[in-house]
Protein backbone atom coordinates (compact mmCIF):
# COMPACT_ATOMS: atom_id res chain seq x y z
CA UNK A 1 0.00 0.00 0.00
CA UNK A 2 1.40 3.36 -0.94
CA UNK A 3 1.61 6.24 1.48
CA UNK A 4 -0.95 9.06 1.11
CA UNK A 5 0.04 12.04 -1.00
CA UNK A 6 1.04 15.18 0.88
CA UNK A 7 0.94 18.83 -0.12
CA UNK A 8 4.74 18.63 -0.49
CA UNK A 9 4.30 15.99 -3.18
CA UNK A 10 2.26 18.49 -5.17
CA UNK A 11 4.35 21.63 -4.72
CA UNK A 12 7.93 20.82 -3.65
CA UNK A 13 10.18 21.55 -6.63
CA UNK A 14 13.39 19.73 -7.51
CA UNK A 15 16.11 22.34 -6.99
CA UNK A 16 18.46 20.65 -9.44
CA UNK A 17 15.78 20.60 -12.16
CA UNK A 18 15.02 24.27 -11.55
CA UNK A 19 18.72 25.23 -11.58
CA UNK A 20 19.90 23.02 -14.46
CA UNK A 21 16.68 22.79 -16.46
CA UNK A 22 14.90 19.87 -18.06
CA UNK A 23 15.27 18.50 -21.57
CA UNK A 24 12.46 18.50 -24.11
CA UNK A 25 13.27 15.71 -26.55
CA UNK A 26 12.13 16.01 -30.18
CA UNK A 27 13.67 12.70 -31.32
CA UNK A 28 15.83 13.14 -34.43
CA UNK A 29 14.80 16.80 -34.71
CA UNK A 30 16.83 17.61 -31.59
CA UNK A 31 16.28 18.68 -28.03
CA UNK A 32 15.92 21.83 -25.97
CA UNK A 33 16.97 22.33 -22.34
CA UNK A 34 14.68 24.78 -20.56
CA UNK A 35 14.42 26.44 -17.20
CA UNK A 36 11.16 26.87 -15.34
CA UNK A 37 9.18 30.03 -16.06
CA UNK A 38 8.77 31.18 -12.48
CA UNK A 39 10.02 29.51 -9.35
CA UNK A 40 13.71 30.22 -8.83
CA UNK A 41 14.21 31.69 -12.32
CA UNK A 42 14.76 35.28 -11.20
CA UNK A 43 16.01 36.42 -14.63
CA UNK A 44 12.68 35.42 -16.16
CA UNK A 45 10.69 37.15 -13.43
CA UNK A 46 12.70 40.36 -13.84
CA UNK A 47 12.35 40.37 -17.63
CA UNK A 48 8.60 39.71 -17.40
CA UNK A 49 8.22 42.55 -14.89
CA UNK A 50 10.22 44.88 -17.14
CA UNK A 51 7.99 43.93 -20.08
CA UNK A 52 4.86 44.69 -18.02
CA UNK A 53 6.28 48.06 -16.94
CA UNK A 54 7.39 48.99 -20.45
CA UNK A 55 3.98 48.27 -21.96
CA UNK A 56 1.75 49.02 -18.96
CA UNK A 57 -0.15 51.83 -20.64
CA UNK A 58 -0.67 49.87 -23.87
CA UNK A 59 -1.73 46.79 -21.90
CA UNK A 60 -4.15 48.81 -19.75
CA UNK A 61 -5.70 50.38 -22.85
CA UNK A 62 -5.65 47.07 -24.76
CA UNK A 63 -3.46 48.67 -27.43
CA UNK A 64 -0.52 46.25 -27.39
CA UNK A 65 -0.60 44.40 -30.70
CA UNK A 66 -0.36 40.63 -30.70
CA UNK A 67 2.64 40.92 -33.02
CA UNK A 68 4.56 43.13 -30.55
CA UNK A 69 3.57 40.97 -27.57
CA UNK A 70 4.73 37.80 -29.38
CA UNK A 71 8.04 39.39 -30.35
CA UNK A 72 8.72 40.48 -26.76
CA UNK A 73 7.73 37.12 -25.25
CA UNK A 74 9.86 35.19 -27.76
CA UNK A 75 12.86 37.36 -26.83
CA UNK A 76 12.21 36.88 -23.10
CA UNK A 77 12.08 33.10 -23.53
CA UNK A 78 15.18 33.08 -25.74
CA UNK A 79 17.07 35.01 -23.05
CA UNK A 80 15.76 33.39 -19.86
CA UNK A 81 14.16 29.99 -20.53
CA UNK A 82 16.06 28.20 -23.33
CA UNK A 83 19.54 27.46 -22.00
CA UNK A 84 20.89 24.72 -24.25
CA UNK A 85 20.13 22.12 -26.87
CA UNK A 86 20.19 21.79 -30.60
CA UNK A 87 17.53 21.57 -33.26
CA UNK A 88 17.65 20.40 -36.86
CA UNK A 89 16.92 23.27 -39.27
CA UNK A 90 15.17 23.10 -42.67
CA UNK A 91 18.38 21.96 -44.37
CA UNK A 92 18.93 19.10 -41.91
CA UNK A 93 21.82 20.81 -40.13
CA UNK A 94 21.86 20.69 -36.30
CA UNK A 95 21.89 24.20 -34.86
CA UNK A 96 23.24 24.68 -31.34
CA UNK A 97 21.08 26.81 -29.07
CA UNK A 98 23.40 27.51 -26.15
CA UNK A 99 24.40 31.19 -26.27
CA UNK A 100 22.67 31.43 -29.65
CA UNK A 101 19.81 33.85 -29.02
CA UNK A 102 19.36 34.56 -32.74
CA UNK A 103 18.78 30.88 -33.55
CA UNK A 104 16.22 30.46 -30.75
CA UNK A 105 14.37 33.58 -31.87
CA UNK A 106 14.43 32.36 -35.49
CA UNK A 107 13.01 28.92 -34.60
CA UNK A 108 10.33 30.45 -32.35
CA UNK A 109 9.36 33.12 -34.89
CA UNK A 110 9.17 30.70 -37.81
CA UNK A 111 7.37 28.03 -35.76
CA UNK A 112 5.22 29.82 -33.22
CA UNK A 113 3.72 26.48 -32.14
CA UNK A 114 7.21 25.42 -31.03
CA UNK A 115 7.37 28.55 -28.87
CA UNK A 116 3.92 27.78 -27.43
CA UNK A 117 5.00 24.21 -26.62
CA UNK A 118 8.22 25.38 -24.92
CA UNK A 119 6.29 28.07 -23.04
CA UNK A 120 3.70 25.56 -21.84
CA UNK A 121 6.35 23.07 -20.73
CA UNK A 122 8.35 25.74 -18.89
CA UNK A 123 5.17 26.57 -16.94
CA UNK A 124 4.39 22.90 -16.26
CA UNK A 125 5.21 22.48 -12.57
CA UNK A 126 5.09 18.69 -12.87
CA UNK A 127 8.28 18.72 -14.97
CA UNK A 128 10.15 20.39 -12.12
CA UNK A 129 8.50 18.66 -9.14
CA UNK A 130 10.51 16.54 -6.69
CA UNK A 131 7.96 13.71 -6.58
CA UNK A 132 8.07 13.33 -10.37
CA UNK A 133 11.86 12.94 -10.28
CA UNK A 134 11.61 10.34 -7.51
CA UNK A 135 9.00 8.38 -9.46
CA UNK A 136 11.18 8.47 -12.61
CA UNK A 137 14.15 7.15 -10.64
CA UNK A 138 12.06 4.30 -9.17
CA UNK A 139 10.65 3.37 -12.57
CA UNK A 140 14.02 3.39 -14.33
CA UNK A 141 15.55 1.31 -11.53
CA UNK A 142 12.97 -1.41 -11.88
CA UNK A 143 13.57 -2.08 -15.59
């Protein structure tokens, strides 16, 4: 019989996962290592706050265009969420993402659904939760 779930199981984050990121695997197309959007990612929080301050008036008046908002968010994620990885471009060449802001922005701009996926995963607390990491370790040990 398993022990009952506690509130810690639901909200205690894995510090190593938050500090080092988690990998999103796209099979032969590559992989992306991301940090959590929120939590201990202070750079992300600061950039998001700066974005909100910069566009406060436009946001309040509902005048910020979707195009401008997308551009800003893509840049924020390129600078504070994507920390490593490589993706295969249209020509089949693997493009490194570490310290390659321009490549991340290009992929996200050309494939907005990729950005949305990365954004959603970076906000997915389950990817960064301690209990998930413990369960993965138990499952891989029993194979």
